[in-house]
Amino acid sequence: MTLPKAIEDLIAEFMKYPGIGRKTAERYALFTINNLTKEDAAIFSEALNNVKTHIHHCPICGHLTDREKCDICENETRDHSIIMVVESPKDVFSIEKAGEYKGYYHVLNGVISPIDGVGPDDINLSSLWPRIVNDNVKELIIATSSTQEGETTALYIKRIMKDLDVAVTRIGYGVPVGLNLEYADDLTLSKAIENRRKM
């Protein structure tokens, strides 16, 4: 049986989200049709438009914000001597939720992955070097995931940092190999930061 084009189009849009297959997309589409009012659909549509219109990457750290700079970069009470390098804004949310880390962040918005054609110039690395020099950073914590791509990125950053007078550490204890930070619980993240090791 062929579904009406409008439903097929909606299913196709839901399938663009990571981890959403055909069956889940069909459920979402049917829920939208059967359970959302026109007003609900308008609010949902407006929310989608708002994030695409108002949310952008902080020009300093690369985190998500709806202002000129993100809340963390605007917070003068944080420790200026430490920057934690993470892969994505999701990692910032996870670490902030743990409540232990008080320094600043640098969000790469990706990882180096030669197999996928992603090199150092394709992620947010170039703005990291001036921050380290200009802000008198003493420690750079690399908190990329323990996947092959995360490790490759960490080693690249360590190599680039070798001539700078900055301690380069790596989050350690508590984060299992192959685990993305977004899936780690608060205690695990706190322990990983607390037990970071020199690279």
C-alpha atoms as a PDB file:
ATOM      1  CA  MET A   1       0.000   0.000   0.000  1.00  0.00           C
ATOM      2  CA  THR A   2       1.281   3.447  -0.913  1.00  0.00           C
ATOM      3  CA  LEU A   3       1.123   6.102   1.780  1.00  0.00           C
ATOM      4  CA  PRO A   4       0.033   9.632   0.933  1.00  0.00           C
ATOM      5  CA  LYS A   5       2.968  11.801  -0.193  1.00  0.00           C
ATOM      6  CA  ALA A   6       2.678  14.155   2.813  1.00  0.00           C
ATOM      7  CA  ILE A   7       3.111  11.209   5.211  1.00  0.00           C
ATOM      8  CA  GLU A   8       6.025   9.774   3.193  1.00  0.00           C
ATOM      9  CA  ASP A   9       7.674  13.205   3.233  1.00  0.00           C
ATOM     10  CA  LEU A  10       7.299  13.444   7.021  1.00  0.00           C
ATOM     11  CA  ILE A  11       8.694   9.919   7.478  1.00  0.00           C
ATOM     12  CA  ALA A  12      11.664  10.828   5.287  1.00  0.00           C
ATOM     13  CA  GLU A  13      12.340  13.904   7.443  1.00  0.00           C
ATOM     14  CA  PHE A  14      12.234  11.918  10.703  1.00  0.00           C
ATOM     15  CA  MET A  15      14.634   9.353   9.194  1.00  0.00           C
ATOM     16  CA  LYS A  16      17.273  12.089   8.863  1.00  0.00           C
ATOM     17  CA  TYR A  17      17.772  11.952  12.659  1.00  0.00           C
ATOM     18  CA  PRO A  18      20.516   9.601  13.910  1.00  0.00           C
ATOM     19  CA  GLY A  19      19.273   6.205  15.028  1.00  0.00           C
ATOM     20  CA  ILE A  20      15.802   6.684  13.518  1.00  0.00           C
ATOM     21  CA  GLY A  21      14.876   3.901  11.100  1.00  0.00           C
ATOM     22  CA  ARG A  22      11.789   3.502   8.952  1.00  0.00           C
ATOM     23  CA  LYS A  23       9.569   1.920  11.645  1.00  0.00           C
ATOM     24  CA  THR A  24      10.363   4.550  14.268  1.00  0.00           C
ATOM     25  CA  ALA A  25       9.903   7.325  11.700  1.00  0.00           C
ATOM     26  CA  GLU A  26       6.489   5.871  10.803  1.00  0.00           C
ATOM     27  CA  ARG A  27       5.497   5.843  14.498  1.00  0.00           C
ATOM     28  CA  TYR A  28       6.576   9.481  14.859  1.00  0.00           C
ATOM     29  CA  ALA A  29       4.667  10.454  11.729  1.00  0.00           C
ATOM     30  CA  LEU A  30       1.491   8.680  12.846  1.00  0.00           C
ATOM     31  CA  PHE A  31       1.792  10.173  16.339  1.00  0.00           C
ATOM     32  CA  THR A  32       2.092  13.608  14.750  1.00  0.00           C
ATOM     33  CA  ILE A  33      -1.038  13.018  12.672  1.00  0.00           C
ATOM     34  CA  ASN A  34      -3.132  11.430  15.422  1.00  0.00           C
ATOM     35  CA  ASN A  35      -2.025  13.282  18.547  1.00  0.00           C
ATOM     36  CA  LEU A  36      -0.764  16.753  17.664  1.00  0.00           C
ATOM     37  CA  THR A  37      -3.209  19.565  17.031  1.00  0.00           C
ATOM     38  CA  LYS A  38      -2.521  22.135  14.325  1.00  0.00           C
ATOM     39  CA  GLU A  39      -1.433  24.462  17.125  1.00  0.00           C
ATOM     40  CA  ASP A  40       1.003  21.814  18.479  1.00  0.00           C
ATOM     41  CA  ALA A  41       2.417  21.321  14.983  1.00  0.00           C
ATOM     42  CA  ALA A  42       2.852  25.094  14.568  1.00  0.00           C
ATOM     43  CA  ILE A  43       4.691  25.318  17.910  1.00  0.00           C
ATOM     44  CA  PHE A  44       6.922  22.377  16.930  1.00  0.00           C
ATOM     45  CA  SER A  45       7.637  23.969  13.559  1.00  0.00           C
ATOM     46  CA  GLU A  46       8.449  27.300  15.218  1.00  0.00           C
ATOM     47  CA  ALA A  47      10.823  25.576  17.672  1.00  0.00           C
ATOM     48  CA  LEU A  48      12.685  23.968  14.746  1.00  0.00           C
ATOM     49  CA  ASN A  49      12.923  27.287  12.929  1.00  0.00           C
ATOM     50  CA  ASN A  50      14.096  29.070  16.081  1.00  0.00           C
ATOM     51  CA  VAL A  51      17.028  26.735  16.698  1.00  0.00           C
ATOM     52  CA  LYS A  52      18.135  27.074  13.075  1.00  0.00           C
ATOM     53  CA  THR A  53      17.731  30.865  13.190  1.00  0.00           C
ATOM     54  CA  HIS A  54      18.994  31.781  16.649  1.00  0.00           C
ATOM     55  CA  ILE A  55      21.449  29.069  17.715  1.00  0.00           C
ATOM     56  CA  HIS A  56      25.053  29.318  16.527  1.00  0.00           C
ATOM     57  CA  HIS A  57      28.534  28.324  17.677  1.00  0.00           C
ATOM     58  CA  CYS A  58      30.250  30.583  20.201  1.00  0.00           C
ATOM     59  CA  PRO A  59      33.065  32.400  18.345  1.00  0.00           C
ATOM     60  CA  ILE A  60      35.421  31.780  21.277  1.00  0.00           C
ATOM     61  CA  CYS A  61      34.935  28.135  22.259  1.00  0.00           C
ATOM     62  CA  GLY A  62      32.615  26.621  19.630  1.00  0.00           C
ATOM     63  CA  HIS A  63      29.816  25.736  22.084  1.00  0.00           C
ATOM     64  CA  LEU A  64      26.157  26.378  21.213  1.00  0.00           C
ATOM     65  CA  THR A  65      24.589  29.695  22.164  1.00  0.00           C
ATOM     66  CA  ASP A  66      21.827  32.114  21.231  1.00  0.00           C
ATOM     67  CA  ARG A  67      23.898  35.147  22.252  1.00  0.00           C
ATOM     68  CA  GLU A  68      27.128  36.705  21.049  1.00  0.00           C
ATOM     69  CA  LYS A  69      29.154  34.462  23.391  1.00  0.00           C
ATOM     70  CA  CYS A  70      28.081  31.368  25.319  1.00  0.00           C
ATOM     71  CA  ASP A  71      27.277  31.515  29.056  1.00  0.00           C
ATOM     72  CA  ILE A  72      30.496  29.712  29.967  1.00  0.00           C
ATOM     73  CA  CYS A  73      32.800  32.073  28.055  1.00  0.00           C
ATOM     74  CA  GLU A  74      30.969  35.048  29.574  1.00  0.00           C
ATOM     75  CA  ASN A  75      31.448  33.699  33.108  1.00  0.00           C
ATOM     76  CA  GLU A  76      34.496  35.526  34.510  1.00  0.00           C
ATOM     77  CA  THR A  77      34.484  33.468  37.724  1.00  0.00           C
ATOM     78  CA  ARG A  78      35.656  30.296  35.973  1.00  0.00           C
ATOM     79  CA  ASP A  79      39.316  29.209  36.006  1.00  0.00           C
ATOM     80  CA  HIS A  80      41.061  30.906  33.058  1.00  0.00           C
ATOM     81  CA  SER A  81      44.140  28.706  33.385  1.00  0.00           C
ATOM     82  CA  ILE A  82      42.381  25.504  32.247  1.00  0.00           C
ATOM     83  CA  ILE A  83      40.729  24.610  28.940  1.00  0.00           C
ATOM     84  CA  MET A  84      39.048  21.273  28.346  1.00  0.00           C
ATOM     85  CA  VAL A  85      38.887  20.122  24.731  1.00  0.00           C
ATOM     86  CA  VAL A  86      35.738  18.147  23.877  1.00  0.00           C
ATOM     87  CA  GLU A  87      34.255  16.770  20.682  1.00  0.00           C
ATOM     88  CA  SER A  88      30.769  18.265  20.792  1.00  0.00           C
ATOM     89  CA  PRO A  89      28.366  20.509  22.724  1.00  0.00           C
ATOM     90  CA  LYS A  90      26.754  17.319  24.107  1.00  0.00           C
ATOM     91  CA  ASP A  91      29.996  16.684  26.000  1.00  0.00           C
ATOM     92  CA  VAL A  92      29.869  20.172  27.543  1.00  0.00           C
ATOM     93  CA  PHE A  93      26.296  19.556  28.732  1.00  0.00           C
ATOM     94  CA  SER A  94      27.309  16.208  30.259  1.00  0.00           C
ATOM     95  CA  ILE A  95      30.384  17.578  32.056  1.00  0.00           C
ATOM     96  CA  GLU A  96      28.558  20.676  33.319  1.00  0.00           C
ATOM     97  CA  LYS A  97      25.813  18.447  34.707  1.00  0.00           C
ATOM     98  CA  ALA A  98      28.438  16.632  36.791  1.00  0.00           C
ATOM     99  CA  GLY A  99      29.257  20.021  38.378  1.00  0.00           C
ATOM    100  CA  GLU A 100      32.942  19.389  39.161  1.00  0.00           C
ATOM    101  CA  TYR A 101      34.794  21.175  36.358  1.00  0.00           C
ATOM    102  CA  LYS A 102      35.267  24.947  36.744  1.00  0.00           C
ATOM    103  CA  GLY A 103      37.505  25.839  33.786  1.00  0.00           C
ATOM    104  CA  TYR A 104      36.644  26.746  30.202  1.00  0.00           C
ATOM    105  CA  TYR A 105      35.968  24.574  27.149  1.00  0.00           C
ATOM    106  CA  HIS A 106      37.006  24.297  23.550  1.00  0.00           C
ATOM    107  CA  VAL A 107      34.489  22.408  21.402  1.00  0.00           C
ATOM    108  CA  LEU A 108      35.983  20.775  18.304  1.00  0.00           C
ATOM    109  CA  ASN A 109      32.610  19.996  16.720  1.00  0.00           C
ATOM    110  CA  GLY A 110      34.113  16.839  15.268  1.00  0.00           C
ATOM    111  CA  VAL A 111      37.173  14.595  15.396  1.00  0.00           C
ATOM    112  CA  ILE A 112      40.023  13.849  13.028  1.00  0.00           C
ATOM    113  CA  SER A 113      39.041  10.860  10.917  1.00  0.00           C
ATOM    114  CA  PRO A 114      41.245  10.261   7.857  1.00  0.00           C
ATOM    115  CA  ILE A 115      39.034   7.357   6.758  1.00  0.00           C
ATOM    116  CA  ASP A 116      36.098   9.785   6.509  1.00  0.00           C
ATOM    117  CA  GLY A 117      38.203  12.531   4.952  1.00  0.00           C
ATOM    118  CA  VAL A 118      38.101  14.709   8.097  1.00  0.00           C
ATOM    119  CA  GLY A 119      41.423  16.406   8.810  1.00  0.00           C
ATOM    120  CA  PRO A 120      42.602  18.966  11.402  1.00  0.00           C
ATOM    121  CA  ASP A 121      41.399  21.855   9.217  1.00  0.00           C
ATOM    122  CA  ASP A 122      37.857  20.432   9.166  1.00  0.00           C
ATOM    123  CA  ILE A 123      37.283  20.750  12.919  1.00  0.00           C
ATOM    124  CA  ASN A 124      37.470  23.722  15.301  1.00  0.00           C
ATOM    125  CA  LEU A 125      41.197  23.579  16.081  1.00  0.00           C
ATOM    126  CA  SER A 126      42.714  26.752  14.623  1.00  0.00           C
ATOM    127  CA  SER A 127      41.076  29.005  17.230  1.00  0.00           C
ATOM    128  CA  LEU A 128      42.459  26.891  20.103  1.00  0.00           C
ATOM    129  CA  TRP A 129      46.111  27.929  19.720  1.00  0.00           C
ATOM    130  CA  PRO A 130      45.536  31.710  20.162  1.00  0.00           C
ATOM    131  CA  ARG A 131      43.372  31.033  23.239  1.00  0.00           C
ATOM    132  CA  ILE A 132      46.162  29.064  24.900  1.00  0.00           C
ATOM    133  CA  VAL A 133      48.746  31.787  24.264  1.00  0.00           C
ATOM    134  CA  ASN A 134      46.584  34.877  24.840  1.00  0.00           C
ATOM    135  CA  ASP A 135      44.729  33.603  27.929  1.00  0.00           C
ATOM    136  CA  ASN A 136      47.887  32.289  29.632  1.00  0.00           C
ATOM    137  CA  VAL A 137      46.481  28.756  29.844  1.00  0.00           C
ATOM    138  CA  LYS A 138      48.461  26.415  32.112  1.00  0.00           C
ATOM    139  CA  GLU A 139      46.633  23.129  31.472  1.00  0.00           C
ATOM    140  CA  LEU A 140      44.875  21.684  28.465  1.00  0.00           C
ATOM    141  CA  ILE A 141      42.622  18.739  29.333  1.00  0.00           C
ATOM    142  CA  ILE A 142      41.861  16.560  26.318  1.00  0.00           C
ATOM    143  CA  ALA A 143      38.464  14.944  26.796  1.00  0.00           C
ATOM    144  CA  THR A 144      37.879  13.399  23.393  1.00  0.00           C
ATOM    145  CA  SER A 145      36.291   9.959  23.395  1.00  0.00           C
ATOM    146  CA  SER A 146      38.389   6.812  23.645  1.00  0.00           C
ATOM    147  CA  THR A 147      37.409   5.755  20.130  1.00  0.00           C
ATOM    148  CA  GLN A 148      40.111   5.496  17.454  1.00  0.00           C
ATOM    149  CA  GLU A 149      39.115   8.909  16.072  1.00  0.00           C
ATOM    150  CA  GLY A 150      39.098  10.465  19.543  1.00  0.00           C
ATOM    151  CA  GLU A 151      42.555   9.076  20.302  1.00  0.00           C
ATOM    152  CA  THR A 152      43.895  10.250  16.929  1.00  0.00           C
ATOM    153  CA  THR A 153      42.600  13.750  17.659  1.00  0.00           C
ATOM    154  CA  ALA A 154      44.091  13.727  21.175  1.00  0.00           C
ATOM    155  CA  LEU A 155      47.519  12.656  19.898  1.00  0.00           C
ATOM    156  CA  TYR A 156      47.447  15.311  17.170  1.00  0.00           C
ATOM    157  CA  ILE A 157      46.677  18.047  19.721  1.00  0.00           C
ATOM    158  CA  LYS A 158      49.404  16.753  22.047  1.00  0.00           C
ATOM    159  CA  ARG A 159      51.927  16.836  19.197  1.00  0.00           C
ATOM    160  CA  ILE A 160      51.000  20.404  18.252  1.00  0.00           C
ATOM    161  CA  MET A 161      51.242  21.497  21.903  1.00  0.00           C
ATOM    162  CA  LYS A 162      54.766  20.135  22.467  1.00  0.00           C
ATOM    163  CA  ASP A 163      56.472  23.513  21.966  1.00  0.00           C
ATOM    164  CA  LEU A 164      54.083  25.443  24.213  1.00  0.00           C
ATOM    165  CA  ASP A 165      54.521  25.810  27.960  1.00  0.00           C
ATOM    166  CA  VAL A 166      51.246  24.113  28.831  1.00  0.00           C
ATOM    167  CA  ALA A 167      50.533  20.828  30.618  1.00  0.00           C
ATOM    168  CA  VAL A 168      48.523  18.484  28.409  1.00  0.00           C
ATOM    169  CA  THR A 169      46.434  15.955  30.318  1.00  0.00           C
ATOM    170  CA  ARG A 170      43.929  13.326  29.262  1.00  0.00           C
ATOM    171  CA  ILE A 171      40.774  12.337  31.148  1.00  0.00           C
ATOM    172  CA  GLY A 172      41.292   8.914  32.570  1.00  0.00           C
ATOM    173  CA  TYR A 173      39.840   6.668  35.234  1.00  0.00           C
ATOM    174  CA  GLY A 174      36.177   5.843  34.880  1.00  0.00           C
ATOM    175  CA  VAL A 175      35.571   6.296  31.155  1.00  0.00           C
ATOM    176  CA  PRO A 176      35.540   2.886  29.441  1.00  0.00           C
ATOM    177  CA  VAL A 177      37.319   2.431  26.124  1.00  0.00           C
ATOM    178  CA  GLY A 178      35.027   3.175  23.201  1.00  0.00           C
ATOM    179  CA  LEU A 179      32.487   5.137  25.262  1.00  0.00           C
ATOM    180  CA  ASN A 180      31.312   8.574  24.147  1.00  0.00           C
ATOM    181  CA  LEU A 181      31.176  11.098  27.005  1.00  0.00           C
ATOM    182  CA  GLU A 182      27.489  11.825  26.477  1.00  0.00           C
ATOM    183  CA  TYR A 183      26.662   8.302  27.737  1.00  0.00           C
ATOM    184  CA  ALA A 184      28.777   8.502  30.903  1.00  0.00           C
ATOM    185  CA  ASP A 185      27.068   9.206  34.229  1.00  0.00           C
ATOM    186  CA  ASP A 186      27.926  12.209  36.446  1.00  0.00           C
ATOM    187  CA  LEU A 187      30.118  10.287  38.891  1.00  0.00           C
ATOM    188  CA  THR A 188      32.083   8.614  36.092  1.00  0.00           C
ATOM    189  CA  LEU A 189      32.764  11.986  34.457  1.00  0.00           C
ATOM    190  CA  SER A 190      33.778  13.559  37.765  1.00  0.00           C
ATOM    191  CA  LYS A 191      36.235  10.738  38.419  1.00  0.00           C
ATOM    192  CA  ALA A 192      37.601  10.924  34.870  1.00  0.00           C
ATOM    193  CA  ILE A 193      38.359  14.635  35.293  1.00  0.00           C
ATOM    194  CA  GLU A 194      39.729  14.213  38.814  1.00  0.00           C
ATOM    195  CA  ASN A 195      42.050  11.378  37.722  1.00  0.00           C
ATOM    196  CA  ARG A 196      43.268  12.890  34.465  1.00  0.00           C
ATOM    197  CA  ARG A 197      46.804  11.956  33.495  1.00  0.00           C
ATOM    198  CA  LYS A 198      49.649  13.749  31.785  1.00  0.00           C
ATOM    199  CA  MET A 199      50.058  12.884  28.112  1.00  0.00           C
END
